[in-house]
Every structure is written in structure tokens, then in C-alpha cells.
């Protein structure tokens, strides 16, 4: 089982298309392709960490709090192990 919060969101909602649909229903239009990029990267986009978007809160609401916005944001702040070693 993957412990990455973004992966958990996608697992709970059913994949990139479902994530896209849920966010669009909340007034945040996003394509499944963009959502798939988050899943592959294991984090939300840079705009989430600069305050330009509100994906983390919307995703927390979409999964009924099973994954928190704080957990989603914390995951993105962590650098991969290879980067930390460099």
C-alpha cells in the first residue's frame, strides 16, 4: 500500500478522471491529464505551495477528510532522498 497522501486521494476517488470531476464540481476546473501529472509526481503542483491554487483543501473535502490538506502539502515540501543526499 502506498503511503503517499496524493496516491491515497486518487485511490479513494478512483483515479485522475474522478479527481478531475470532483474538483470541477467544486468550481476548480482541472483536466484528468493535469491530475495524472500530480499522481506521477507524487505531489501537487508548485502553484499549490505559492498560494496560487487551493487544490489541497478541495481534495480534503472531496475525500471527506480521510486525507488532510496539511498531509498533502507536507508531502510536497519533502524533497526526494536523492536530492537530500546531494
C-alpha atoms as a PDB file:
ATOM      1  CA  UNK A   1       0.000   0.000   0.000  1.00  0.00           C
ATOM      2  CA  UNK A   2       1.302   3.437  -0.926  1.00  0.00           C
ATOM      3  CA  UNK A   3       1.510   5.876   1.992  1.00  0.00           C
ATOM      4  CA  UNK A   4       1.800   8.960  -0.206  1.00  0.00           C
ATOM      5  CA  UNK A   5      -1.200  11.220   0.598  1.00  0.00           C
ATOM      6  CA  UNK A   6      -1.766  12.174  -3.049  1.00  0.00           C
ATOM      7  CA  UNK A   7      -1.845   8.493  -4.044  1.00  0.00           C
ATOM      8  CA  UNK A   8      -4.363   7.849  -1.275  1.00  0.00           C
ATOM      9  CA  UNK A   9      -6.638  10.602  -2.639  1.00  0.00           C
ATOM     10  CA  UNK A  10      -6.538   9.058  -6.104  1.00  0.00           C
ATOM     11  CA  UNK A  11      -7.209   5.614  -4.634  1.00  0.00           C
ATOM     12  CA  UNK A  12     -10.205   6.892  -2.658  1.00  0.00           C
ATOM     13  CA  UNK A  13     -11.708   8.833  -5.559  1.00  0.00           C
ATOM     14  CA  UNK A  14     -10.978   6.309  -8.315  1.00  0.00           C
ATOM     15  CA  UNK A  15      -8.252   7.845 -10.486  1.00  0.00           C
ATOM     16  CA  UNK A  16      -7.380  11.018 -12.387  1.00  0.00           C
ATOM     17  CA  UNK A  17     -10.730  11.335 -14.181  1.00  0.00           C
ATOM     18  CA  UNK A  18     -12.644  11.086 -10.916  1.00  0.00           C
ATOM     19  CA  UNK A  19     -10.328  13.562  -9.181  1.00  0.00           C
ATOM     20  CA  UNK A  20     -10.764  15.967 -12.085  1.00  0.00           C
ATOM     21  CA  UNK A  21     -14.544  15.598 -11.960  1.00  0.00           C
ATOM     22  CA  UNK A  22     -14.699  16.163  -8.167  1.00  0.00           C
ATOM     23  CA  UNK A  23     -12.558  19.308  -8.355  1.00  0.00           C
ATOM     24  CA  UNK A  24     -14.532  20.639 -11.308  1.00  0.00           C
ATOM     25  CA  UNK A  25     -17.750  20.101  -9.321  1.00  0.00           C
ATOM     26  CA  UNK A  26     -16.202  22.270  -6.582  1.00  0.00           C
ATOM     27  CA  UNK A  27     -15.549  25.072  -9.065  1.00  0.00           C
ATOM     28  CA  UNK A  28     -11.912  24.205  -9.744  1.00  0.00           C
ATOM     29  CA  UNK A  29     -11.750  23.185 -13.410  1.00  0.00           C
ATOM     30  CA  UNK A  30      -8.817  20.834 -13.977  1.00  0.00           C
ATOM     31  CA  UNK A  31      -8.174  18.193 -16.609  1.00  0.00           C
ATOM     32  CA  UNK A  32      -7.619  14.498 -15.910  1.00  0.00           C
ATOM     33  CA  UNK A  33      -4.244  14.894 -17.634  1.00  0.00           C
ATOM     34  CA  UNK A  34      -3.158  17.527 -15.102  1.00  0.00           C
ATOM     35  CA  UNK A  35      -4.369  15.347 -12.230  1.00  0.00           C
ATOM     36  CA  UNK A  36      -2.401  12.429 -13.628  1.00  0.00           C
ATOM     37  CA  UNK A  37       0.733  14.602 -13.520  1.00  0.00           C
ATOM     38  CA  UNK A  38       0.194  15.077  -9.774  1.00  0.00           C
ATOM     39  CA  UNK A  39      -0.185  11.339  -9.296  1.00  0.00           C
ATOM     40  CA  UNK A  40       3.008  10.584 -11.246  1.00  0.00           C
ATOM     41  CA  UNK A  41       4.939  13.293  -9.389  1.00  0.00           C
ATOM     42  CA  UNK A  42       3.546  12.231  -6.012  1.00  0.00           C
ATOM     43  CA  UNK A  43       2.738  15.820  -5.121  1.00  0.00           C
ATOM     44  CA  UNK A  44       0.589  18.783  -6.024  1.00  0.00           C
ATOM     45  CA  UNK A  45       1.893  21.410  -8.464  1.00  0.00           C
ATOM     46  CA  UNK A  46       4.154  24.311  -7.474  1.00  0.00           C
ATOM     47  CA  UNK A  47       1.201  26.709  -7.583  1.00  0.00           C
ATOM     48  CA  UNK A  48      -0.240  24.995  -4.518  1.00  0.00           C
ATOM     49  CA  UNK A  49       2.817  25.902  -2.442  1.00  0.00           C
ATOM     50  CA  UNK A  50       2.879  29.510  -3.606  1.00  0.00           C
ATOM     51  CA  UNK A  51      -0.759  30.116  -2.663  1.00  0.00           C
ATOM     52  CA  UNK A  52      -1.998  30.451  -6.235  1.00  0.00           C
ATOM     53  CA  UNK A  53      -4.382  27.484  -6.035  1.00  0.00           C
ATOM     54  CA  UNK A  54      -6.459  25.673  -3.430  1.00  0.00           C
ATOM     55  CA  UNK A  55      -6.258  22.054  -4.540  1.00  0.00           C
ATOM     56  CA  UNK A  56      -5.257  20.613  -1.143  1.00  0.00           C
ATOM     57  CA  UNK A  57      -8.330  21.942   0.646  1.00  0.00           C
ATOM     58  CA  UNK A  58     -10.619  20.892  -2.199  1.00  0.00           C
ATOM     59  CA  UNK A  59      -9.117  17.392  -2.227  1.00  0.00           C
ATOM     60  CA  UNK A  60      -9.518  17.074   1.537  1.00  0.00           C
ATOM     61  CA  UNK A  61     -13.197  17.976   1.136  1.00  0.00           C
ATOM     62  CA  UNK A  62     -13.613  15.566  -1.779  1.00  0.00           C
ATOM     63  CA  UNK A  63     -12.407  12.617   0.322  1.00  0.00           C
ATOM     64  CA  UNK A  64     -14.358  13.655   3.399  1.00  0.00           C
ATOM     65  CA  UNK A  65     -11.255  14.417   5.436  1.00  0.00           C
ATOM     66  CA  UNK A  66      -9.707  10.946   5.015  1.00  0.00           C
ATOM     67  CA  UNK A  67      -6.606  12.753   3.714  1.00  0.00           C
ATOM     68  CA  UNK A  68      -5.915  16.209   5.114  1.00  0.00           C
ATOM     69  CA  UNK A  69      -4.783  19.275   3.227  1.00  0.00           C
ATOM     70  CA  UNK A  70      -1.871  19.517   5.669  1.00  0.00           C
ATOM     71  CA  UNK A  71      -0.712  15.994   4.760  1.00  0.00           C
ATOM     72  CA  UNK A  72      -0.939  16.770   1.048  1.00  0.00           C
ATOM     73  CA  UNK A  73       1.088  19.947   1.454  1.00  0.00           C
ATOM     74  CA  UNK A  74       3.670  18.341   3.733  1.00  0.00           C
ATOM     75  CA  UNK A  75       4.303  15.586   1.185  1.00  0.00           C
ATOM     76  CA  UNK A  76       5.155  18.187  -1.436  1.00  0.00           C
ATOM     77  CA  UNK A  77       7.546  20.015   0.862  1.00  0.00           C
ATOM     78  CA  UNK A  78       9.640  16.895   1.371  1.00  0.00           C
ATOM     79  CA  UNK A  79      12.473  16.538  -1.087  1.00  0.00           C
ATOM     80  CA  UNK A  80      13.221  13.097  -2.507  1.00  0.00           C
ATOM     81  CA  UNK A  81      16.006  11.200  -0.714  1.00  0.00           C
ATOM     82  CA  UNK A  82      18.391  11.535  -3.678  1.00  0.00           C
ATOM     83  CA  UNK A  83      18.089  15.331  -3.561  1.00  0.00           C
ATOM     84  CA  UNK A  84      18.734  15.435   0.184  1.00  0.00           C
ATOM     85  CA  UNK A  85      21.909  13.379  -0.227  1.00  0.00           C
ATOM     86  CA  UNK A  86      23.339  15.683  -2.913  1.00  0.00           C
END
